N, C-alpha and C. Protein backbone atom coordinates (compact mmCIF):
# COMPACT_ATOMS: atom_id res chain seq x y z
N UNK A 1 79.59 119.53 109.70
CA UNK A 1 80.11 120.06 111.28
C UNK A 1 79.14 120.34 111.96
N UNK A 2 79.59 119.62 113.04
CA UNK A 2 78.49 120.13 114.24
C UNK A 2 78.98 121.29 114.73
N UNK A 3 77.40 121.71 115.24
CA UNK A 3 78.04 123.54 116.64
C UNK A 3 79.16 123.23 116.84
N UNK A 4 79.58 122.29 117.71
CA UNK A 4 80.59 122.63 118.49
C UNK A 4 82.26 122.54 117.91
N UNK A 5 81.71 121.85 116.47
CA UNK A 5 83.21 122.03 115.55
C UNK A 5 82.98 123.21 115.49
N UNK A 6 82.44 124.41 114.97
CA UNK A 6 81.88 125.25 114.29
C UNK A 6 82.57 126.17 115.32
N UNK A 7 82.49 126.60 116.62
CA UNK A 7 83.07 126.51 117.50
C UNK A 7 84.51 126.89 117.21
N UNK A 8 84.69 125.49 117.63
CA UNK A 8 86.20 125.65 117.22
C UNK A 8 87.40 126.26 116.53
N UNK A 9 86.10 126.05 115.46
CA UNK A 9 86.56 126.59 113.72
C UNK A 9 86.77 128.57 113.94
N UNK A 10 85.71 128.48 114.45
CA UNK A 10 85.54 130.29 114.49
C UNK A 10 85.72 131.04 115.92
N UNK A 11 86.86 130.57 116.53
CA UNK A 11 86.83 130.67 117.59
C UNK A 11 87.63 131.85 118.04
N UNK A 12 88.81 132.36 117.62
CA UNK A 12 89.96 133.19 117.44
C UNK A 12 89.32 134.58 117.10
N UNK A 13 89.70 135.36 118.50
CA UNK A 13 88.43 137.02 118.85
C UNK A 13 88.92 137.54 117.88
N UNK A 14 88.74 138.85 117.03
CA UNK A 14 88.69 140.41 116.47
C UNK A 14 88.54 139.63 114.59
N UNK A 15 87.93 137.76 114.72
CA UNK A 15 87.42 137.52 113.34
C UNK A 15 86.80 138.71 112.86
N UNK A 16 85.74 138.47 111.56
CA UNK A 16 84.43 139.32 111.74
C UNK A 16 84.39 137.73 110.64
N UNK A 17 82.76 137.46 110.81
CA UNK A 17 82.13 136.30 110.67
C UNK A 17 80.59 136.67 109.60
N UNK A 18 80.77 136.27 108.52
CA UNK A 18 79.03 136.23 108.16
C UNK A 18 77.56 136.59 109.57
N UNK A 19 76.69 136.65 109.77
CA UNK A 19 75.97 136.83 110.56
C UNK A 19 75.58 134.59 110.54
N UNK A 20 75.33 134.73 109.41
CA UNK A 20 75.08 132.65 109.91
C UNK A 20 76.17 132.04 110.58
N UNK A 21 77.50 132.87 109.94
CA UNK A 21 78.74 131.82 110.93
C UNK A 21 78.59 131.72 112.25
N UNK A 22 78.85 133.44 112.58
CA UNK A 22 79.11 133.72 113.68
C UNK A 22 77.99 133.42 114.64
N UNK A 23 76.30 132.96 114.07
CA UNK A 23 75.41 132.58 114.98
C UNK A 23 75.50 131.39 115.50
N UNK A 24 75.91 130.25 114.21
CA UNK A 24 76.71 128.81 114.11
C UNK A 24 77.38 129.17 116.23
N UNK A 25 79.19 129.77 115.72
CA UNK A 25 79.69 129.77 116.34
C UNK A 25 79.16 129.67 117.87
N UNK A 26 78.47 131.20 118.06
CA UNK A 26 77.58 131.23 119.02
C UNK A 26 76.58 130.63 119.98
N UNK A 27 76.12 129.22 118.98
CA UNK A 27 75.14 128.16 119.65
C UNK A 27 75.89 127.29 119.73
N UNK A 28 77.75 127.10 119.01
CA UNK A 28 78.24 125.71 119.49
C UNK A 28 79.04 126.04 120.86
N UNK A 29 78.83 127.38 121.27
CA UNK A 29 80.20 128.15 123.07
C UNK A 29 78.67 127.63 123.81
N UNK A 30 77.17 128.97 123.44
CA UNK A 30 76.56 128.11 124.29
C UNK A 30 76.08 126.65 124.35
N UNK A 31 76.18 125.98 123.28
CA UNK A 31 75.97 124.21 124.06
C UNK A 31 76.88 123.62 124.91
N UNK A 32 78.27 124.43 124.78
CA UNK A 32 79.17 123.70 125.33
C UNK A 32 79.66 124.37 127.22
N UNK A 33 78.70 125.27 127.37
CA UNK A 33 77.78 126.16 128.37
C UNK A 33 77.02 125.56 128.87
N UNK A 34 76.38 125.28 128.54
CA UNK A 34 75.39 124.90 129.49
C UNK A 34 74.85 123.36 129.35
N UNK A 35 75.66 122.43 128.66
CA UNK A 35 75.94 121.70 128.94
C UNK A 35 76.90 121.06 130.12
N UNK A 36 77.99 122.01 130.19
CA UNK A 36 78.79 121.34 130.98
C UNK A 36 78.08 122.43 132.99
N UNK A 37 77.64 122.70 132.62
CA UNK A 37 76.76 124.34 133.31
C UNK A 37 75.18 124.38 133.96
N UNK A 38 74.23 123.95 132.83
CA UNK A 38 73.12 123.56 133.72
C UNK A 38 73.11 124.93 132.47
N UNK A 39 71.35 125.19 132.77
CA UNK A 39 71.09 126.52 132.26
C UNK A 39 71.16 127.84 133.11
N UNK A 40 70.77 127.48 134.68
CA UNK A 40 70.87 128.23 135.68
C UNK A 40 72.34 128.91 135.76
N UNK A 41 73.34 127.48 136.20
CA UNK A 41 74.17 128.37 136.66
C UNK A 41 75.43 129.19 134.77
N UNK A 42 74.58 129.36 134.29
CA UNK A 42 75.18 129.43 133.30
C UNK A 42 75.34 130.60 132.96
N UNK A 43 76.36 131.54 132.28
CA UNK A 43 76.36 133.49 132.39
C UNK A 43 76.39 133.00 130.44
N UNK A 44 76.13 134.48 130.74
CA UNK A 44 75.96 134.87 129.48
C UNK A 44 77.41 135.37 128.90
N UNK A 45 78.12 135.98 130.03
CA UNK A 45 79.98 136.05 130.32
C UNK A 45 80.72 134.80 130.30
N UNK A 46 80.35 133.70 130.33
CA UNK A 46 80.85 132.59 130.45
C UNK A 46 80.89 132.21 128.78
N UNK A 47 79.52 132.54 128.37
CA UNK A 47 79.29 132.14 127.16
C UNK A 47 79.96 132.85 125.95
N UNK A 48 79.85 134.45 126.15
CA UNK A 48 80.74 135.08 125.17
C UNK A 48 82.00 134.70 125.31
N UNK A 49 82.42 134.51 126.00
CA UNK A 49 84.12 133.93 126.56
C UNK A 49 84.68 132.58 125.93
N UNK A 50 83.59 132.15 125.83
CA UNK A 50 84.18 130.55 125.30
C UNK A 50 84.05 131.15 123.69
N UNK A 51 82.77 132.23 123.10
CA UNK A 51 82.63 132.14 121.73
C UNK A 51 83.93 132.95 120.88
N UNK A 52 84.26 133.81 122.37
CA UNK A 52 85.77 134.41 121.89
C UNK A 52 85.05 135.99 121.34
N UNK A 53 84.23 136.39 122.03
CA UNK A 53 83.63 137.70 121.42
C UNK A 53 82.91 138.35 123.00
N UNK A 54 82.48 139.48 122.44
CA UNK A 54 82.12 140.89 123.35
C UNK A 54 80.82 140.51 123.78
N UNK A 55 80.13 140.92 124.90
CA UNK A 55 78.81 140.64 125.59
C UNK A 55 78.26 140.98 123.88
N UNK A 56 78.56 142.76 124.14
CA UNK A 56 77.62 143.10 122.77
C UNK A 56 76.80 142.89 121.86
N UNK A 57 78.20 141.56 121.03
CA UNK A 57 77.83 140.64 120.21
C UNK A 57 77.29 139.97 120.11
N UNK A 58 77.18 138.88 121.49
CA UNK A 58 76.43 138.15 121.50
C UNK A 58 74.84 138.46 121.60
N UNK A 59 74.85 139.48 122.25
CA UNK A 59 73.93 140.00 122.91
C UNK A 59 72.89 140.62 120.67
N UNK A 60 73.85 140.80 120.31
CA UNK A 60 72.99 140.96 118.92
C UNK A 60 72.63 140.25 117.73
N UNK A 61 72.77 139.06 118.52
CA UNK A 61 71.92 138.01 118.31
C UNK A 61 70.94 137.28 118.56
N UNK A 62 71.63 137.24 119.95
CA UNK A 62 70.78 136.60 120.89
C UNK A 62 69.84 137.80 122.48
N UNK A 63 68.98 138.09 122.51
CA UNK A 63 68.83 138.96 123.24
C UNK A 63 68.87 138.41 124.71
N UNK A 64 68.92 137.41 125.35
CA UNK A 64 68.85 137.25 126.28
C UNK A 64 69.08 135.17 126.27
N UNK A 65 69.29 134.82 127.46
CA UNK A 65 70.06 132.92 127.76
C UNK A 65 68.85 132.69 127.46
N UNK A 66 67.56 133.09 127.55
CA UNK A 66 66.50 132.09 127.31
C UNK A 66 66.41 131.76 125.85
N UNK A 67 66.22 133.09 125.31
CA UNK A 67 66.28 132.78 123.72
C UNK A 67 67.46 132.25 123.18
N UNK A 68 69.52 132.00 123.75
CA UNK A 68 69.77 131.34 123.11
C UNK A 68 69.53 129.80 123.58
N UNK A 69 68.97 130.00 125.28
CA UNK A 69 68.65 128.82 125.41
C UNK A 69 67.55 127.71 123.84
N UNK A 70 67.12 128.59 123.39
CA UNK A 70 65.67 128.31 123.31
C UNK A 70 66.06 127.79 121.50
N UNK A 71 67.09 128.34 121.25
CA UNK A 71 67.46 128.44 120.10
C UNK A 71 68.15 127.13 119.79
N UNK A 72 68.85 126.54 120.45
CA UNK A 72 69.67 125.30 120.80
C UNK A 72 68.87 124.28 120.76
N UNK A 73 67.33 124.77 121.33
CA UNK A 73 66.12 123.38 121.72
C UNK A 73 65.98 123.24 120.13
N UNK A 74 65.60 124.21 119.62
CA UNK A 74 64.95 123.62 118.18
C UNK A 74 66.27 123.02 117.42
N UNK A 75 67.43 123.83 117.37
CA UNK A 75 68.18 122.55 116.39
C UNK A 75 68.19 121.19 116.76
N UNK A 76 68.55 120.84 118.20
CA UNK A 76 68.79 119.34 118.47
C UNK A 76 67.45 118.70 118.03
N UNK A 77 66.60 119.04 118.77
CA UNK A 77 65.60 118.87 118.91
C UNK A 77 64.99 118.32 117.10
N UNK A 78 64.97 119.25 116.56
CA UNK A 78 65.03 118.88 114.89
C UNK A 78 65.65 118.11 114.20
N UNK A 79 66.57 117.66 115.02
CA UNK A 79 68.40 116.99 114.56
C UNK A 79 67.87 115.62 114.96
N UNK A 80 66.72 114.97 116.07
CA UNK A 80 66.44 113.86 116.63
C UNK A 80 65.26 113.48 115.89
N UNK A 81 64.30 114.80 115.29
CA UNK A 81 63.19 114.41 114.69
C UNK A 81 63.29 113.59 113.36
N UNK A 82 64.78 114.03 112.46
CA UNK A 82 64.87 113.68 111.21
C UNK A 82 65.76 112.36 111.11
N UNK A 83 66.75 112.29 111.95
CA UNK A 83 66.76 111.49 112.25
C UNK A 83 66.31 109.70 112.74
N UNK A 84 65.22 110.14 113.63
CA UNK A 84 64.34 109.04 113.67
C UNK A 84 63.23 108.33 112.01
N UNK A 85 63.19 110.24 111.65
CA UNK A 85 62.22 109.75 110.57
C UNK A 85 63.17 109.53 109.16
N UNK A 86 64.70 109.50 108.77
CA UNK A 86 65.56 109.23 108.92
C UNK A 86 65.84 107.38 108.48
N UNK A 87 65.65 107.56 109.25
CA UNK A 87 65.52 105.25 110.49
C UNK A 87 64.45 104.77 109.79
N UNK A 88 63.59 105.25 109.26
CA UNK A 88 61.94 104.47 109.37
C UNK A 88 62.07 104.64 107.68
N UNK A 89 62.59 105.29 107.39
CA UNK A 89 62.54 105.67 105.68
C UNK A 89 63.56 104.98 105.00
N UNK A 90 64.43 104.01 105.78
CA UNK A 90 65.98 103.38 105.12
C UNK A 90 65.32 101.77 105.61
N UNK A 91 64.77 101.45 104.73
CA UNK A 91 64.20 100.16 104.93
C UNK A 91 62.70 100.10 104.65
N UNK A 92 62.09 99.11 104.05
CA UNK A 92 60.92 98.46 104.07
C UNK A 92 60.87 96.76 104.99
N UNK A 93 62.07 97.00 105.69
CA UNK A 93 62.08 95.49 106.50
C UNK A 93 61.46 96.23 107.49
N UNK A 94 60.52 95.80 107.73
CA UNK A 94 60.08 95.91 109.27
C UNK A 94 60.90 95.62 110.85
N UNK A 95 61.53 94.68 110.74
CA UNK A 95 62.60 94.84 112.00
C UNK A 95 64.37 94.60 111.83
N UNK A 96 64.27 95.31 110.53
CA UNK A 96 65.27 96.23 110.59
C UNK A 96 65.10 97.88 110.70
N UNK A 97 63.70 98.11 110.77
CA UNK A 97 63.45 99.25 110.70
C UNK A 97 63.50 100.04 112.18
N UNK A 98 62.77 98.34 113.31
CA UNK A 98 63.21 98.79 114.84
C UNK A 98 64.46 99.44 114.88
N UNK A 99 65.34 98.39 114.41
CA UNK A 99 66.53 97.91 114.91
C UNK A 99 67.34 99.97 114.35
N UNK A 100 66.75 100.49 113.04
CA UNK A 100 67.90 101.59 112.61
C UNK A 100 67.52 102.26 113.69
N UNK A 101 65.73 102.24 114.04
CA UNK A 101 65.14 103.03 115.22
C UNK A 101 65.64 103.38 116.36
N UNK A 102 65.99 102.26 116.73
CA UNK A 102 66.32 102.05 118.22
C UNK A 102 67.98 103.07 118.10
N UNK A 103 69.41 102.53 117.04
CA UNK A 103 70.16 102.79 117.11
C UNK A 103 69.98 104.51 116.41
N UNK A 104 68.62 105.25 115.82
CA UNK A 104 69.14 106.70 116.06
C UNK A 104 69.19 107.21 117.36
N UNK A 105 68.23 106.27 118.19
CA UNK A 105 68.79 107.78 120.02
C UNK A 105 69.47 106.90 120.32
N UNK A 106 70.40 105.44 119.93
CA UNK A 106 71.77 105.34 120.79
C UNK A 106 73.32 106.33 119.60
N UNK A 107 72.55 107.12 118.84
CA UNK A 107 73.45 108.04 118.15
C UNK A 107 73.24 109.38 118.65
N UNK A 108 72.48 109.77 118.99
CA UNK A 108 71.94 110.94 119.25
C UNK A 108 72.91 111.00 120.71
N UNK A 109 72.11 110.49 121.54
CA UNK A 109 72.41 110.87 123.77
C UNK A 109 74.51 110.24 123.54
N UNK A 110 74.78 109.73 122.15
CA UNK A 110 76.63 109.38 122.43
C UNK A 110 76.93 110.75 121.62
N UNK A 111 76.25 111.42 121.29
CA UNK A 111 77.36 112.38 120.43
C UNK A 111 78.17 113.20 121.34
N UNK A 112 79.34 113.76 120.58
CA UNK A 112 80.27 113.94 121.72
C UNK A 112 79.44 115.56 122.44
N UNK A 113 78.05 116.18 121.80
CA UNK A 113 78.94 117.48 122.16
C UNK A 113 77.19 117.66 123.40
N UNK A 114 76.59 116.56 123.48
CA UNK A 114 75.88 116.39 124.72
C UNK A 114 74.66 116.75 124.10
N UNK A 115 74.48 117.10 123.48
CA UNK A 115 73.08 117.89 123.58
C UNK A 115 72.07 117.53 123.89
N UNK A 116 71.71 116.07 123.73
CA UNK A 116 70.69 115.06 124.40
C UNK A 116 70.33 115.64 125.49
N UNK A 117 71.31 116.08 126.46
CA UNK A 117 71.06 116.56 127.95
C UNK A 117 70.53 117.91 127.70
N UNK A 118 70.16 118.80 126.66
CA UNK A 118 69.77 119.53 127.40
C UNK A 118 67.80 119.87 126.20
N UNK A 119 67.53 118.51 125.99
CA UNK A 119 66.35 117.69 125.76
C UNK A 119 66.12 117.55 126.44
N UNK A 120 66.89 116.35 126.77
CA UNK A 120 65.93 114.70 128.24
C UNK A 120 66.57 115.64 128.90
N UNK A 121 67.49 116.20 129.66
CA UNK A 121 67.52 116.04 130.95
C UNK A 121 68.24 117.90 131.63
N UNK A 122 67.10 118.87 130.88
CA UNK A 122 67.01 119.96 130.90
C UNK A 122 66.68 120.63 132.45
N UNK A 123 67.49 121.26 132.90
CA UNK A 123 66.91 121.36 134.12
C UNK A 123 66.43 123.00 134.45
N UNK A 124 65.51 123.30 133.08
CA UNK A 124 64.63 124.40 133.18
C UNK A 124 63.39 123.57 132.09
N UNK A 125 63.03 122.19 132.86
CA UNK A 125 62.11 121.88 131.88
C UNK A 125 60.49 123.10 133.10
N UNK A 126 59.92 123.49 133.60
CA UNK A 126 58.90 123.78 134.44
C UNK A 126 58.91 125.27 133.11
N UNK A 127 60.37 125.64 132.18
CA UNK A 127 59.72 126.80 131.32
C UNK A 127 59.10 126.49 130.57
N UNK A 128 57.69 126.95 130.01
CA UNK A 128 56.73 126.54 129.33
C UNK A 128 57.52 126.21 127.65
N UNK A 129 58.13 127.55 127.36
CA UNK A 129 58.22 127.80 126.05
C UNK A 129 59.67 126.32 125.69
N UNK A 130 60.25 125.59 126.82
CA UNK A 130 60.72 124.43 127.08
C UNK A 130 60.25 123.24 126.79
N UNK A 131 59.67 123.23 128.09
CA UNK A 131 58.38 122.26 128.08
C UNK A 131 57.50 121.69 126.83
N UNK A 132 57.16 122.75 125.54
CA UNK A 132 57.36 122.94 124.58
C UNK A 132 57.58 121.85 123.74
N UNK A 133 58.57 122.41 123.45
CA UNK A 133 59.59 121.88 122.53
C UNK A 133 60.29 120.45 123.62
N UNK A 134 60.20 120.18 123.76
CA UNK A 134 60.54 118.48 124.51
C UNK A 134 59.42 117.96 124.33
N UNK A 135 58.27 118.64 124.47
CA UNK A 135 57.10 117.95 124.31
C UNK A 135 57.06 117.46 123.17
N UNK A 136 57.55 118.29 121.72
CA UNK A 136 57.66 118.70 120.43
C UNK A 136 58.09 117.59 120.13
N UNK A 137 59.50 116.85 120.18
CA UNK A 137 60.17 116.25 119.47
C UNK A 137 59.98 114.95 120.29
N UNK A 138 59.54 114.96 121.44
CA UNK A 138 58.92 113.58 122.28
C UNK A 138 57.86 112.83 121.12
N UNK A 139 56.13 113.78 120.95
CA UNK A 139 55.35 113.47 119.74
C UNK A 139 55.39 113.87 118.33
N UNK A 140 56.51 114.49 117.89
CA UNK A 140 56.99 114.22 116.39
C UNK A 140 57.72 112.68 116.52
N UNK A 141 58.88 112.29 117.34
CA UNK A 141 58.95 110.94 116.96
C UNK A 141 57.96 110.16 117.13
N UNK A 142 57.13 110.27 117.66
CA UNK A 142 56.08 108.98 117.95
C UNK A 142 55.77 108.96 117.21
N UNK A 143 54.65 110.59 116.48
CA UNK A 143 54.25 110.99 115.10
C UNK A 143 54.69 109.80 113.90
N UNK A 144 56.11 109.91 113.93
CA UNK A 144 56.74 108.96 112.56
C UNK A 144 56.35 107.94 112.74
N UNK A 145 56.96 106.77 114.11
CA UNK A 145 56.95 105.78 113.98
C UNK A 145 55.10 104.87 113.87
N UNK A 146 54.02 105.91 114.60
CA UNK A 146 52.67 105.37 115.12
C UNK A 146 52.23 105.41 112.87
N UNK A 147 53.47 106.05 112.16
CA UNK A 147 52.37 106.51 111.06
C UNK A 147 53.00 105.12 109.99
N UNK A 148 54.09 104.39 110.47
CA UNK A 148 54.69 103.32 109.78
C UNK A 148 53.51 102.19 110.53
N UNK A 149 53.29 102.43 111.86
CA UNK A 149 52.54 101.14 112.28
C UNK A 149 51.04 100.76 112.28
N UNK A 150 50.29 102.10 112.14
CA UNK A 150 49.26 102.14 111.25
C UNK A 150 49.53 101.69 109.85
N UNK A 151 49.97 102.15 109.13
CA UNK A 151 49.63 101.66 108.00
C UNK A 151 50.08 100.03 106.83
N UNK A 152 50.87 99.34 108.24
CA UNK A 152 51.76 98.11 108.13
C UNK A 152 50.63 97.62 108.87
N UNK A 153 49.77 98.00 109.86
CA UNK A 153 49.11 96.99 110.73
C UNK A 153 47.48 97.09 110.80
N UNK A 154 47.50 98.09 109.98
CA UNK A 154 45.65 98.52 110.48
C UNK A 154 45.28 98.84 111.64
N UNK A 155 45.97 99.08 112.64
CA UNK A 155 45.43 99.46 113.34
C UNK A 155 44.93 101.07 113.52
N UNK A 156 44.08 101.37 114.94
CA UNK A 156 43.55 102.93 114.32
C UNK A 156 44.47 103.46 115.05
N UNK A 157 44.61 105.01 114.44
CA UNK A 157 45.41 105.87 114.57
C UNK A 157 46.69 105.62 116.48
N UNK A 158 44.77 105.73 117.34
CA UNK A 158 45.33 105.84 118.96
C UNK A 158 46.14 105.10 119.34
N UNK A 159 45.53 103.40 118.73
CA UNK A 159 46.18 102.50 119.31
C UNK A 159 47.98 102.37 119.02
N UNK A 160 47.73 102.97 117.54
CA UNK A 160 49.37 102.77 117.26
C UNK A 160 49.81 104.13 117.93
N UNK A 161 49.16 104.68 118.04
CA UNK A 161 50.17 106.17 118.67
C UNK A 161 50.64 106.01 120.08
N UNK A 162 49.63 104.86 120.30
CA UNK A 162 50.44 104.30 122.15
C UNK A 162 51.57 103.22 121.66
N UNK A 163 50.87 102.50 120.77
CA UNK A 163 52.51 101.79 120.53
C UNK A 163 53.54 102.24 120.42
N UNK A 164 53.83 103.23 119.01
CA UNK A 164 54.65 104.21 119.05
C UNK A 164 55.33 105.08 119.76
N UNK A 165 54.51 105.77 121.56
CA UNK A 165 55.18 106.25 121.98
C UNK A 165 55.60 105.30 123.12
N UNK A 166 55.32 103.90 122.88
CA UNK A 166 55.88 102.84 123.92
C UNK A 166 57.64 103.08 123.82
N UNK A 167 57.78 102.70 121.95
CA UNK A 167 58.95 102.59 121.62
C UNK A 167 59.88 103.61 121.55
N UNK A 168 59.26 105.09 120.76
CA UNK A 168 59.87 105.70 120.88
C UNK A 168 60.54 105.97 122.73
N UNK A 169 59.80 105.53 123.37
CA UNK A 169 60.10 106.36 124.86
C UNK A 169 61.06 105.23 125.16
N UNK A 170 60.82 103.37 125.19
CA UNK A 170 61.51 102.03 124.90
C UNK A 170 63.26 103.22 125.16
N UNK A 171 63.30 103.21 123.44
CA UNK A 171 64.51 104.19 122.92
C UNK A 171 64.87 104.80 123.76
N UNK A 172 64.18 105.40 124.02
CA UNK A 172 65.14 107.60 124.99
C UNK A 172 66.28 106.71 125.64
N UNK A 173 65.21 106.19 126.70
CA UNK A 173 65.43 105.88 128.31
C UNK A 173 66.10 105.43 127.90
N UNK A 174 65.96 103.90 127.43
CA UNK A 174 67.21 103.01 127.53
C UNK A 174 68.61 103.01 126.93
N UNK A 175 68.67 103.86 125.92
CA UNK A 175 69.76 104.79 125.32
C UNK A 175 70.49 105.63 126.67
N UNK A 176 69.85 106.51 126.97
CA UNK A 176 70.57 107.62 128.20
C UNK A 176 70.81 106.66 128.99
N UNK A 177 70.33 105.82 129.75
CA UNK A 177 70.62 104.36 130.99
C UNK A 177 72.19 103.98 130.80
N UNK A 178 72.17 103.35 128.99
CA UNK A 178 73.20 102.72 128.58
C UNK A 178 74.39 103.62 128.93
N UNK A 179 74.12 105.29 128.02
CA UNK A 179 75.40 105.92 128.11
C UNK A 179 75.73 106.53 129.99
N UNK A 180 75.23 106.20 130.65
CA UNK A 180 75.07 107.11 131.79
C UNK A 180 75.93 105.40 132.10
N UNK A 181 75.64 104.11 131.88
CA UNK A 181 76.72 103.44 133.32
C UNK A 181 77.67 103.30 131.91
N UNK A 182 78.41 104.53 131.27
CA UNK A 182 79.51 104.53 130.53
C UNK A 182 79.85 103.54 129.50
N UNK A 183 78.40 103.27 128.79
CA UNK A 183 78.63 102.32 127.76
C UNK A 183 79.33 101.12 128.14
N UNK A 184 78.68 99.75 129.22
CA UNK A 184 78.85 98.82 129.97
C UNK A 184 79.10 97.79 128.79
N UNK A 185 78.06 97.97 128.16
CA UNK A 185 77.22 96.96 126.48
C UNK A 185 77.70 97.99 125.62
N UNK A 186 78.60 97.36 124.13
CA UNK A 186 79.14 97.88 123.61
C UNK A 186 77.73 98.38 122.45
N UNK A 187 78.08 99.76 121.81
CA UNK A 187 76.79 100.35 121.53
C UNK A 187 76.22 99.35 120.51
N UNK A 188 76.72 98.62 119.39
CA UNK A 188 76.14 97.76 118.38
C UNK A 188 75.41 96.18 119.34
N UNK A 189 76.48 96.08 120.12
CA UNK A 189 75.24 94.95 121.30
C UNK A 189 74.12 95.07 121.39
N UNK A 190 74.28 96.52 122.79
CA UNK A 190 73.38 97.23 123.21
C UNK A 190 72.04 97.33 122.21
N UNK A 191 71.86 98.15 121.03
CA UNK A 191 71.23 98.35 120.26
C UNK A 191 70.42 96.92 119.81
N UNK A 192 71.31 96.48 119.62
CA UNK A 192 70.68 94.74 118.83
C UNK A 192 69.86 94.09 119.67
N UNK A 193 70.23 94.17 121.55
CA UNK A 193 69.36 93.72 122.38
C UNK A 193 68.16 94.71 122.67
N UNK A 194 68.33 95.95 122.34
CA UNK A 194 66.87 95.85 122.44
C UNK A 194 65.83 96.65 120.81
N UNK A 195 66.81 96.45 119.94
CA UNK A 195 65.48 96.58 118.89
C UNK A 195 65.01 94.85 119.36
N UNK A 196 65.58 93.47 119.79
CA UNK A 196 65.20 92.19 119.37
C UNK A 196 64.19 92.22 120.62
N UNK A 197 63.98 93.08 121.53
CA UNK A 197 63.55 93.10 122.41
C UNK A 197 61.87 93.97 122.21
N UNK A 198 62.09 95.41 121.68
CA UNK A 198 61.04 95.29 120.71
C UNK A 198 60.43 95.10 119.82
N UNK A 199 61.03 94.50 119.23
CA UNK A 199 60.38 93.50 117.96
C UNK A 199 59.59 92.29 118.08
N UNK A 200 60.19 92.27 119.11
CA UNK A 200 59.11 90.66 119.16
C UNK A 200 57.79 91.30 120.51
N UNK A 201 57.48 92.57 120.29
CA UNK A 201 56.53 92.90 120.98
C UNK A 201 55.75 93.32 119.83
N UNK A 202 56.38 94.12 119.00
CA UNK A 202 55.44 94.83 117.93
C UNK A 202 54.98 93.61 116.72
N UNK A 203 56.31 92.91 116.87
CA UNK A 203 56.42 91.91 115.23
C UNK A 203 54.83 90.93 116.03
N UNK A 204 54.11 91.26 117.01
CA UNK A 204 52.93 90.17 117.26
C UNK A 204 51.16 90.82 116.77
N UNK A 205 51.65 92.09 116.06
CA UNK A 205 50.62 93.01 115.32
C UNK A 205 50.81 92.64 113.62
N UNK A 206 49.56 91.30 113.37
CA UNK A 206 49.65 91.17 111.77
C UNK A 206 50.18 92.27 110.93
N UNK A 207 50.13 92.56 109.82
CA UNK A 207 50.12 92.85 108.62
C UNK A 207 48.94 92.76 108.37
N UNK A 208 48.83 94.25 108.17
CA UNK A 208 47.18 94.64 107.32
C UNK A 208 46.99 93.98 105.78
N UNK A 209 48.98 94.36 105.78
CA UNK A 209 48.74 94.57 103.73
C UNK A 209 48.65 92.69 103.76
N UNK A 210 49.20 92.04 104.48
CA UNK A 210 49.04 90.63 104.07
C UNK A 210 47.67 90.40 103.96
N UNK A 211 47.36 89.92 105.15
CA UNK A 211 45.17 90.13 104.72
C UNK A 211 44.67 90.57 103.63
N UNK A 212 45.21 92.12 103.08
CA UNK A 212 44.69 92.43 101.70
C UNK A 212 45.12 91.20 100.38
N UNK A 213 46.24 90.93 100.67
CA UNK A 213 47.10 89.97 99.63
C UNK A 213 46.12 88.83 99.15
N UNK A 214 45.48 88.14 100.25
CA UNK A 214 45.00 87.02 100.08
C UNK A 214 43.34 86.93 99.66
């Protein structure tokens, strides 16, 4: 169940919830408000009202608006990192790995909750704590891709990281562009187009293992 769904399920006023459930409810409400209004326009009053709680209840869990925003960022940055790692681990066929990884980014931006906007389109990127988290998700996704490239090609870590950053950046930018174009191309087709482009580039680097086998 997503944070948004948890919010919908737990919204009635006066309901006493376990601390973890209440926290998830508040995060779901905050996500709705931040995505709709942006960080600067969002108010704790709006979030409390959306969650169906009093402001003191909200402040019991999150001392301030930035704390709430960072908690959401942590949650959704980790979600993308895990999705990319799962895609890479889903097969040993590198062509399919590329496609699965591209699809992970498309699935992430297509999520109905709009969480990707908090990560990649935040109006708070000048805040060091936010910038740190955005950089972390970009770097950790690239590191995961880099591990596979370095192992399979025998390229240096630095060379593999450049290629990995390129693949991750390509996936993120194109997936967001696709979403903002109102999904004018069906998702499966868009993923396949992007995967074909990426594969034709990365496939040009010979497999290190094939040299060792001869």
